[in-house]
Amino acid sequence: MTSTFALAGSDTSSGRTSLRTIDLRGPAGHLEALLNEGEPGSQFAALVCHPHPLGGGAMHNKVVYHAAKVLNAPEWGFQLPVLRSNFRGAGLSEGQHDGLAESEDVVAALNWIHAEYNLPTIIVGFSFGAAMALAACCAKDVATKRAEIHALAALGLPTQALGRKINHPLLSGCALPKLFLSGDRDGFAPKEELRQVVDSAADPKTLVLIPDADHFFTGRLELMQNALATWMKEHVE
């Protein structure tokens, strides 16, 4: 079952809709995308990237949903316009899963946000989405194509997968404000490995470990949201 949440500042009496389907085009073709519009006059926009498609990841994933809600829903106080899209080959998005080229899908989404709003962007990625967000925001070879990024939050950034270690070397030269937010029982990012990755990252950076939380923040989603909101307040207010 999929779910969506109501748009911040929606007004059905005036004909405004709370959720828009977006015609987003990436290098592999059409990308399925949804936009939760924000409060008029917002100073920032946001993009949230989903986990690995081959593991069932898509833009309706519960961690993606709850993170996007922090950015957009009125009760959290930010009410930013938030774009979520499916990577190539996921959901109704065209193309085939690649594992690396999805960073180009992130760039396409960021460029759409820039064209639509011309606002600095907060990007939040979960798991595979966090790795692809890092590649899109921190790789030097995409810098000329990248829209303006204000800050980056990596939720459940994996440090190992399929028996191999993931080091994320791009972080050493990435000077964006960065949040690393994971569970301290994350099987894809043991906390000591994650600390090593964070230590290798350029400043500014923040590491938050949610006690007794696994990779999906099972039973700890509200704690994840509170940690994300606390970091957001430092960077958008």
C-alpha atoms as a PDB file:
ATOM      1  CA  MET A   1       0.000   0.000   0.000  1.00  0.00           C
ATOM      2  CA  THR A   2       1.254   3.479  -0.829  1.00  0.00           C
ATOM      3  CA  SER A   3       0.477   6.658   1.047  1.00  0.00           C
ATOM      4  CA  THR A   4       0.874  10.378   0.579  1.00  0.00           C
ATOM      5  CA  PHE A   5       0.598  13.247   2.984  1.00  0.00           C
ATOM      6  CA  ALA A   6      -1.268  16.512   2.600  1.00  0.00           C
ATOM      7  CA  LEU A   7       0.563  19.516   1.371  1.00  0.00           C
ATOM      8  CA  ALA A   8       1.545  22.281   3.725  1.00  0.00           C
ATOM      9  CA  GLY A   9      -0.629  25.327   3.189  1.00  0.00           C
ATOM     10  CA  SER A  10      -3.141  23.549   0.924  1.00  0.00           C
ATOM     11  CA  ASP A  11      -6.430  25.297   0.241  1.00  0.00           C
ATOM     12  CA  THR A  12      -9.017  23.180  -1.519  1.00  0.00           C
ATOM     13  CA  SER A  13     -11.530  26.044  -1.660  1.00  0.00           C
ATOM     14  CA  SER A  14      -9.209  28.027  -3.929  1.00  0.00           C
ATOM     15  CA  GLY A  15      -8.521  25.057  -6.169  1.00  0.00           C
ATOM     16  CA  ARG A  16      -4.969  24.499  -4.982  1.00  0.00           C
ATOM     17  CA  THR A  17      -3.952  20.871  -4.716  1.00  0.00           C
ATOM     18  CA  SER A  18      -1.794  19.419  -1.992  1.00  0.00           C
ATOM     19  CA  LEU A  19       0.141  17.049  -4.214  1.00  0.00           C
ATOM     20  CA  ARG A  20       1.322  17.349  -7.799  1.00  0.00           C
ATOM     21  CA  THR A  21       2.562  14.749 -10.234  1.00  0.00           C
ATOM     22  CA  ILE A  22       5.682  16.090 -11.937  1.00  0.00           C
ATOM     23  CA  ASP A  23       6.871  15.465 -15.481  1.00  0.00           C
ATOM     24  CA  LEU A  24      10.506  14.868 -14.563  1.00  0.00           C
ATOM     25  CA  ARG A  25      12.952  13.859 -17.286  1.00  0.00           C
ATOM     26  CA  GLY A  26      16.288  12.211 -16.580  1.00  0.00           C
ATOM     27  CA  PRO A  27      19.028  10.759 -18.768  1.00  0.00           C
ATOM     28  CA  ALA A  28      17.238   7.371 -18.850  1.00  0.00           C
ATOM     29  CA  GLY A  29      13.809   8.850 -19.636  1.00  0.00           C
ATOM     30  CA  HIS A  30      10.736   9.773 -17.629  1.00  0.00           C
ATOM     31  CA  LEU A  31      11.084   9.614 -13.834  1.00  0.00           C
ATOM     32  CA  GLU A  32       7.970   9.163 -11.729  1.00  0.00           C
ATOM     33  CA  ALA A  33       7.842  12.103  -9.304  1.00  0.00           C
ATOM     34  CA  LEU A  34       5.576  13.770  -6.768  1.00  0.00           C
ATOM     35  CA  LEU A  35       5.794  17.273  -5.358  1.00  0.00           C
ATOM     36  CA  ASN A  36       4.391  18.352  -2.015  1.00  0.00           C
ATOM     37  CA  GLU A  37       4.150  22.096  -2.414  1.00  0.00           C
ATOM     38  CA  GLY A  38       5.374  24.298   0.403  1.00  0.00           C
ATOM     39  CA  GLU A  39       4.321  27.469   2.125  1.00  0.00           C
ATOM     40  CA  PRO A  40       4.394  30.509  -0.197  1.00  0.00           C
ATOM     41  CA  GLY A  41       7.556  32.492   0.389  1.00  0.00           C
ATOM     42  CA  SER A  42       9.628  29.519   1.461  1.00  0.00           C
ATOM     43  CA  GLN A  43      13.354  30.290   1.394  1.00  0.00           C
ATOM     44  CA  PHE A  44      14.384  26.709   0.618  1.00  0.00           C
ATOM     45  CA  ALA A  45      13.228  23.691  -1.372  1.00  0.00           C
ATOM     46  CA  ALA A  46      13.929  20.007  -0.719  1.00  0.00           C
ATOM     47  CA  LEU A  47      14.531  16.675  -2.419  1.00  0.00           C
ATOM     48  CA  VAL A  48      14.225  13.268  -0.726  1.00  0.00           C
ATOM     49  CA  CYS A  49      15.856  10.193  -2.334  1.00  0.00           C
ATOM     50  CA  HIS A  50      14.716   6.618  -1.746  1.00  0.00           C
ATOM     51  CA  PRO A  51      16.562   3.378  -0.855  1.00  0.00           C
ATOM     52  CA  HIS A  52      17.727   0.575  -3.144  1.00  0.00           C
ATOM     53  CA  PRO A  53      15.113  -0.358  -5.782  1.00  0.00           C
ATOM     54  CA  LEU A  54      16.213  -4.004  -5.892  1.00  0.00           C
ATOM     55  CA  GLY A  55      15.303  -4.225  -2.213  1.00  0.00           C
ATOM     56  CA  GLY A  56      11.866  -2.740  -2.838  1.00  0.00           C
ATOM     57  CA  GLY A  57      12.927   0.868  -2.313  1.00  0.00           C
ATOM     58  CA  ALA A  58      10.756   3.584  -3.825  1.00  0.00           C
ATOM     59  CA  MET A  59       9.573   7.100  -3.060  1.00  0.00           C
ATOM     60  CA  HIS A  60       6.780   5.773  -0.808  1.00  0.00           C
ATOM     61  CA  ASN A  61       9.243   4.033   1.517  1.00  0.00           C
ATOM     62  CA  LYS A  62       8.338   4.737   5.160  1.00  0.00           C
ATOM     63  CA  VAL A  63      11.646   6.421   6.040  1.00  0.00           C
ATOM     64  CA  VAL A  64      11.425   8.622   2.938  1.00  0.00           C
ATOM     65  CA  TYR A  65       7.813   9.435   3.778  1.00  0.00           C
ATOM     66  CA  HIS A  66       8.544  10.390   7.385  1.00  0.00           C
ATOM     67  CA  ALA A  67      11.619  12.419   6.443  1.00  0.00           C
ATOM     68  CA  ALA A  68       9.659  14.298   3.773  1.00  0.00           C
ATOM     69  CA  LYS A  69       6.934  14.982   6.305  1.00  0.00           C
ATOM     70  CA  VAL A  70       9.441  16.773   8.557  1.00  0.00           C
ATOM     71  CA  LEU A  71      10.373  19.032   5.653  1.00  0.00           C
ATOM     72  CA  ASN A  72       6.833  19.786   4.496  1.00  0.00           C
ATOM     73  CA  ALA A  73       4.088  19.139   7.055  1.00  0.00           C
ATOM     74  CA  PRO A  74       2.906  22.216   9.031  1.00  0.00           C
ATOM     75  CA  GLU A  75       3.403  20.639  12.460  1.00  0.00           C
ATOM     76  CA  TRP A  76       7.162  20.516  11.955  1.00  0.00           C
ATOM     77  CA  GLY A  77       7.389  24.213  11.121  1.00  0.00           C
ATOM     78  CA  PHE A  78       9.424  24.189   7.873  1.00  0.00           C
ATOM     79  CA  GLN A  79       6.760  23.751   5.166  1.00  0.00           C
ATOM     80  CA  LEU A  80       9.220  23.493   2.296  1.00  0.00           C
ATOM     81  CA  PRO A  81       8.265  22.311  -1.175  1.00  0.00           C
ATOM     82  CA  VAL A  82       9.467  18.693  -1.295  1.00  0.00           C
ATOM     83  CA  LEU A  83      10.115  16.599  -4.394  1.00  0.00           C
ATOM     84  CA  ARG A  84      10.266  12.803  -4.264  1.00  0.00           C
ATOM     85  CA  SER A  85      11.038  10.755  -7.360  1.00  0.00           C
ATOM     86  CA  ASN A  86      11.640   7.134  -8.271  1.00  0.00           C
ATOM     87  CA  PHE A  87      15.039   6.228  -9.622  1.00  0.00           C
ATOM     88  CA  ARG A  88      15.293   4.747 -13.111  1.00  0.00           C
ATOM     89  CA  GLY A  89      13.610   1.365 -13.298  1.00  0.00           C
ATOM     90  CA  ALA A  90      11.686   1.859 -10.027  1.00  0.00           C
ATOM     91  CA  GLY A  91       7.908   2.243  -9.998  1.00  0.00           C
ATOM     92  CA  LEU A  92       6.802   3.923 -13.213  1.00  0.00           C
ATOM     93  CA  SER A  93      10.208   5.440 -13.967  1.00  0.00           C
ATOM     94  CA  GLU A  94      11.719   4.496 -17.297  1.00  0.00           C
ATOM     95  CA  GLY A  95      15.142   2.929 -17.736  1.00  0.00           C
ATOM     96  CA  GLN A  96      16.900   0.133 -15.888  1.00  0.00           C
ATOM     97  CA  HIS A  97      18.585  -0.004 -12.518  1.00  0.00           C
ATOM     98  CA  ASP A  98      22.314   0.713 -12.780  1.00  0.00           C
ATOM     99  CA  GLY A  99      23.636   1.187  -9.244  1.00  0.00           C
ATOM    100  CA  LEU A 100      25.808   4.195 -10.042  1.00  0.00           C
ATOM    101  CA  ALA A 101      24.065   6.194 -12.768  1.00  0.00           C
ATOM    102  CA  GLU A 102      21.164   6.932 -10.416  1.00  0.00           C
ATOM    103  CA  SER A 103      23.240   9.893  -9.253  1.00  0.00           C
ATOM    104  CA  GLU A 104      22.343  11.420 -12.636  1.00  0.00           C
ATOM    105  CA  ASP A 105      18.662  11.026 -11.706  1.00  0.00           C
ATOM    106  CA  VAL A 106      19.376  13.015  -8.544  1.00  0.00           C
ATOM    107  CA  VAL A 107      20.997  15.762 -10.634  1.00  0.00           C
ATOM    108  CA  ALA A 108      17.944  15.819 -12.924  1.00  0.00           C
ATOM    109  CA  ALA A 109      15.649  16.225  -9.915  1.00  0.00           C
ATOM    110  CA  LEU A 110      17.816  18.970  -8.430  1.00  0.00           C
ATOM    111  CA  ASN A 111      17.846  20.834 -11.732  1.00  0.00           C
ATOM    112  CA  TRP A 112      14.047  20.600 -11.934  1.00  0.00           C
ATOM    113  CA  ILE A 113      13.761  22.096  -8.445  1.00  0.00           C
ATOM    114  CA  HIS A 114      16.160  24.873  -9.386  1.00  0.00           C
ATOM    115  CA  ALA A 115      14.194  25.686 -12.543  1.00  0.00           C
ATOM    116  CA  GLU A 116      10.866  25.602 -10.690  1.00  0.00           C
ATOM    117  CA  TYR A 117      11.826  27.514  -7.530  1.00  0.00           C
ATOM    118  CA  ASN A 118      15.322  28.985  -7.918  1.00  0.00           C
ATOM    119  CA  LEU A 119      15.882  28.317  -4.212  1.00  0.00           C
ATOM    120  CA  PRO A 120      18.765  26.703  -2.322  1.00  0.00           C
ATOM    121  CA  THR A 121      17.953  23.030  -1.823  1.00  0.00           C
ATOM    122  CA  ILE A 122      18.084  20.701   1.150  1.00  0.00           C
ATOM    123  CA  ILE A 123      18.679  17.134  -0.035  1.00  0.00           C
ATOM    124  CA  VAL A 124      17.858  14.124   2.133  1.00  0.00           C
ATOM    125  CA  GLY A 125      18.762  10.606   1.056  1.00  0.00           C
ATOM    126  CA  PHE A 126      18.033   7.320   2.744  1.00  0.00           C
ATOM    127  CA  SER A 127      20.388   4.325   2.341  1.00  0.00           C
ATOM    128  CA  PHE A 128      21.110   3.886  -1.401  1.00  0.00           C
ATOM    129  CA  GLY A 129      19.450   7.278  -1.875  1.00  0.00           C
ATOM    130  CA  ALA A 130      21.969   8.801   0.536  1.00  0.00           C
ATOM    131  CA  ALA A 131      24.869   7.341  -1.453  1.00  0.00           C
ATOM    132  CA  MET A 132      23.422   8.633  -4.733  1.00  0.00           C
ATOM    133  CA  ALA A 133      22.792  12.069  -3.181  1.00  0.00           C
ATOM    134  CA  LEU A 134      26.428  12.206  -2.069  1.00  0.00           C
ATOM    135  CA  ALA A 135      27.604  11.313  -5.561  1.00  0.00           C
ATOM    136  CA  ALA A 136      25.362  13.965  -7.115  1.00  0.00           C
ATOM    137  CA  CYS A 137      26.313  16.706  -4.672  1.00  0.00           C
ATOM    138  CA  CYS A 138      29.989  16.020  -4.009  1.00  0.00           C
ATOM    139  CA  ALA A 139      31.512  14.677  -7.243  1.00  0.00           C
ATOM    140  CA  LYS A 140      33.561  17.338  -9.021  1.00  0.00           C
ATOM    141  CA  ASP A 141      32.521  16.156 -12.466  1.00  0.00           C
ATOM    142  CA  VAL A 142      28.844  17.002 -11.855  1.00  0.00           C
ATOM    143  CA  ALA A 143      29.448  20.361 -10.176  1.00  0.00           C
ATOM    144  CA  THR A 144      28.743  22.360 -13.319  1.00  0.00           C
ATOM    145  CA  LYS A 145      25.361  20.681 -13.754  1.00  0.00           C
ATOM    146  CA  ARG A 146      24.306  20.693 -10.106  1.00  0.00           C
ATOM    147  CA  ALA A 147      21.706  23.127  -8.827  1.00  0.00           C
ATOM    148  CA  GLU A 148      22.570  25.116  -5.711  1.00  0.00           C
ATOM    149  CA  ILE A 149      22.682  22.778  -2.694  1.00  0.00           C
ATOM    150  CA  HIS A 150      22.353  24.250   0.768  1.00  0.00           C
ATOM    151  CA  ALA A 151      22.810  21.161   2.959  1.00  0.00           C
ATOM    152  CA  LEU A 152      22.731  17.376   2.796  1.00  0.00           C
ATOM    153  CA  ALA A 153      21.307  14.783   5.199  1.00  0.00           C
ATOM    154  CA  ALA A 154      22.371  11.153   4.792  1.00  0.00           C
ATOM    155  CA  LEU A 155      20.021   8.783   6.616  1.00  0.00           C
ATOM    156  CA  GLY A 156      21.234   5.229   7.037  1.00  0.00           C
ATOM    157  CA  LEU A 157      24.260   5.780   4.799  1.00  0.00           C
ATOM    158  CA  PRO A 158      25.590   2.268   4.120  1.00  0.00           C
ATOM    159  CA  THR A 159      29.231   1.450   4.873  1.00  0.00           C
ATOM    160  CA  GLN A 160      28.903  -2.141   3.664  1.00  0.00           C
ATOM    161  CA  ALA A 161      26.696  -4.076   1.272  1.00  0.00           C
ATOM    162  CA  LEU A 162      26.807  -7.504  -0.349  1.00  0.00           C
ATOM    163  CA  GLY A 163      29.933  -8.375   1.609  1.00  0.00           C
ATOM    164  CA  ARG A 164      31.990  -5.371   0.511  1.00  0.00           C
ATOM    165  CA  LYS A 165      32.987  -2.208   2.352  1.00  0.00           C
ATOM    166  CA  ILE A 166      31.871   1.217   1.107  1.00  0.00           C
ATOM    167  CA  ASN A 167      34.191   4.109   1.977  1.00  0.00           C
ATOM    168  CA  HIS A 168      32.534   7.150   0.321  1.00  0.00           C
ATOM    169  CA  PRO A 169      35.802   8.935  -0.607  1.00  0.00           C
ATOM    170  CA  LEU A 170      33.937  11.906  -2.108  1.00  0.00           C
ATOM    171  CA  LEU A 171      33.146  13.096   1.411  1.00  0.00           C
ATOM    172  CA  SER A 172      36.720  14.238   2.021  1.00  0.00           C
ATOM    173  CA  GLY A 173      36.237  17.166  -0.361  1.00  0.00           C
ATOM    174  CA  CYS A 174      32.557  17.880   0.271  1.00  0.00           C
ATOM    175  CA  ALA A 175      32.251  21.144   2.219  1.00  0.00           C
ATOM    176  CA  LEU A 176      28.445  21.196   2.353  1.00  0.00           C
ATOM    177  CA  PRO A 177      26.833  21.075   5.807  1.00  0.00           C
ATOM    178  CA  LYS A 178      26.166  17.361   6.305  1.00  0.00           C
ATOM    179  CA  LEU A 179      24.065  15.296   8.689  1.00  0.00           C
ATOM    180  CA  PHE A 180      24.799  11.595   9.127  1.00  0.00           C
ATOM    181  CA  LEU A 181      21.780  10.091  10.869  1.00  0.00           C
ATOM    182  CA  SER A 182      21.638   6.343  11.506  1.00  0.00           C
ATOM    183  CA  GLY A 183      20.540   3.750  13.996  1.00  0.00           C
ATOM    184  CA  ASP A 184      23.213   2.442  16.342  1.00  0.00           C
ATOM    185  CA  ARG A 185      22.157  -1.097  15.367  1.00  0.00           C
ATOM    186  CA  ASP A 186      22.226  -0.519  11.620  1.00  0.00           C
ATOM    187  CA  GLY A 187      23.437  -3.732   9.994  1.00  0.00           C
ATOM    188  CA  PHE A 188      24.446  -1.874   6.828  1.00  0.00           C
ATOM    189  CA  ALA A 189      26.452   0.721   8.756  1.00  0.00           C
ATOM    190  CA  PRO A 190      27.974  -0.577  11.991  1.00  0.00           C
ATOM    191  CA  LYS A 191      28.505   2.474  14.147  1.00  0.00           C
ATOM    192  CA  GLU A 192      32.297   2.209  14.326  1.00  0.00           C
ATOM    193  CA  GLU A 193      32.519   1.977  10.535  1.00  0.00           C
ATOM    194  CA  LEU A 194      30.153   4.908  10.161  1.00  0.00           C
ATOM    195  CA  ARG A 195      32.245   6.973  12.574  1.00  0.00           C
ATOM    196  CA  GLN A 196      35.290   6.291  10.412  1.00  0.00           C
ATOM    197  CA  VAL A 197      33.425   7.464   7.324  1.00  0.00           C
ATOM    198  CA  VAL A 198      32.233  10.605   9.114  1.00  0.00           C
ATOM    199  CA  ASP A 199      35.759  11.278  10.399  1.00  0.00           C
ATOM    200  CA  SER A 200      36.956  11.219   6.781  1.00  0.00           C
ATOM    201  CA  ALA A 201      34.365  13.790   5.702  1.00  0.00           C
ATOM    202  CA  ALA A 202      35.108  17.480   5.363  1.00  0.00           C
ATOM    203  CA  ASP A 203      33.558  19.897   7.846  1.00  0.00           C
ATOM    204  CA  PRO A 204      30.878  20.955   8.633  1.00  0.00           C
ATOM    205  CA  LYS A 205      29.324  17.639   9.658  1.00  0.00           C
ATOM    206  CA  THR A 206      27.102  16.187  12.344  1.00  0.00           C
ATOM    207  CA  LEU A 207      26.739  12.537  13.361  1.00  0.00           C
ATOM    208  CA  VAL A 208      23.618  11.380  15.203  1.00  0.00           C
ATOM    209  CA  LEU A 209      23.037   7.759  16.212  1.00  0.00           C
ATOM    210  CA  ILE A 210      19.521   6.784  17.259  1.00  0.00           C
ATOM    211  CA  PRO A 211      19.666   4.361  20.220  1.00  0.00           C
ATOM    212  CA  ASP A 212      18.400   0.818  19.545  1.00  0.00           C
ATOM    213  CA  ALA A 213      17.446   1.691  15.957  1.00  0.00           C
ATOM    214  CA  ASP A 214      18.070  -0.561  12.968  1.00  0.00           C
ATOM    215  CA  HIS A 215      18.662   0.463   9.357  1.00  0.00           C
ATOM    216  CA  PHE A 216      14.979   1.283   8.838  1.00  0.00           C
ATOM    217  CA  PHE A 217      14.526   3.061  12.188  1.00  0.00           C
ATOM    218  CA  THR A 218      11.927   0.447  13.094  1.00  0.00           C
ATOM    219  CA  GLY A 219       9.968   1.721  16.079  1.00  0.00           C
ATOM    220  CA  ARG A 220      12.221   4.797  16.128  1.00  0.00           C
ATOM    221  CA  LEU A 221      10.871   6.856  13.248  1.00  0.00           C
ATOM    222  CA  GLU A 222       9.762   9.704  15.501  1.00  0.00           C
ATOM    223  CA  LEU A 223      13.244   9.893  17.034  1.00  0.00           C
ATOM    224  CA  MET A 224      14.670  10.032  13.510  1.00  0.00           C
ATOM    225  CA  GLN A 225      12.268  12.846  12.650  1.00  0.00           C
ATOM    226  CA  ASN A 226      13.166  14.813  15.782  1.00  0.00           C
ATOM    227  CA  ALA A 227      16.890  14.514  15.021  1.00  0.00           C
ATOM    228  CA  LEU A 228      16.358  15.633  11.424  1.00  0.00           C
ATOM    229  CA  ALA A 229      14.211  18.564  12.563  1.00  0.00           C
ATOM    230  CA  THR A 230      16.836  19.669  15.112  1.00  0.00           C
ATOM    231  CA  TRP A 231      19.512  19.699  12.409  1.00  0.00           C
ATOM    232  CA  MET A 232      17.174  21.498  10.003  1.00  0.00           C
ATOM    233  CA  LYS A 233      16.608  24.306  12.495  1.00  0.00           C
ATOM    234  CA  GLU A 234      20.343  24.960  12.519  1.00  0.00           C
ATOM    235  CA  HIS A 235      20.467  25.323   8.744  1.00  0.00           C
ATOM    236  CA  VAL A 236      17.224  26.953   7.571  1.00  0.00           C
ATOM    237  CA  GLU A 237      16.336  29.390  10.363  1.00  0.00           C
END
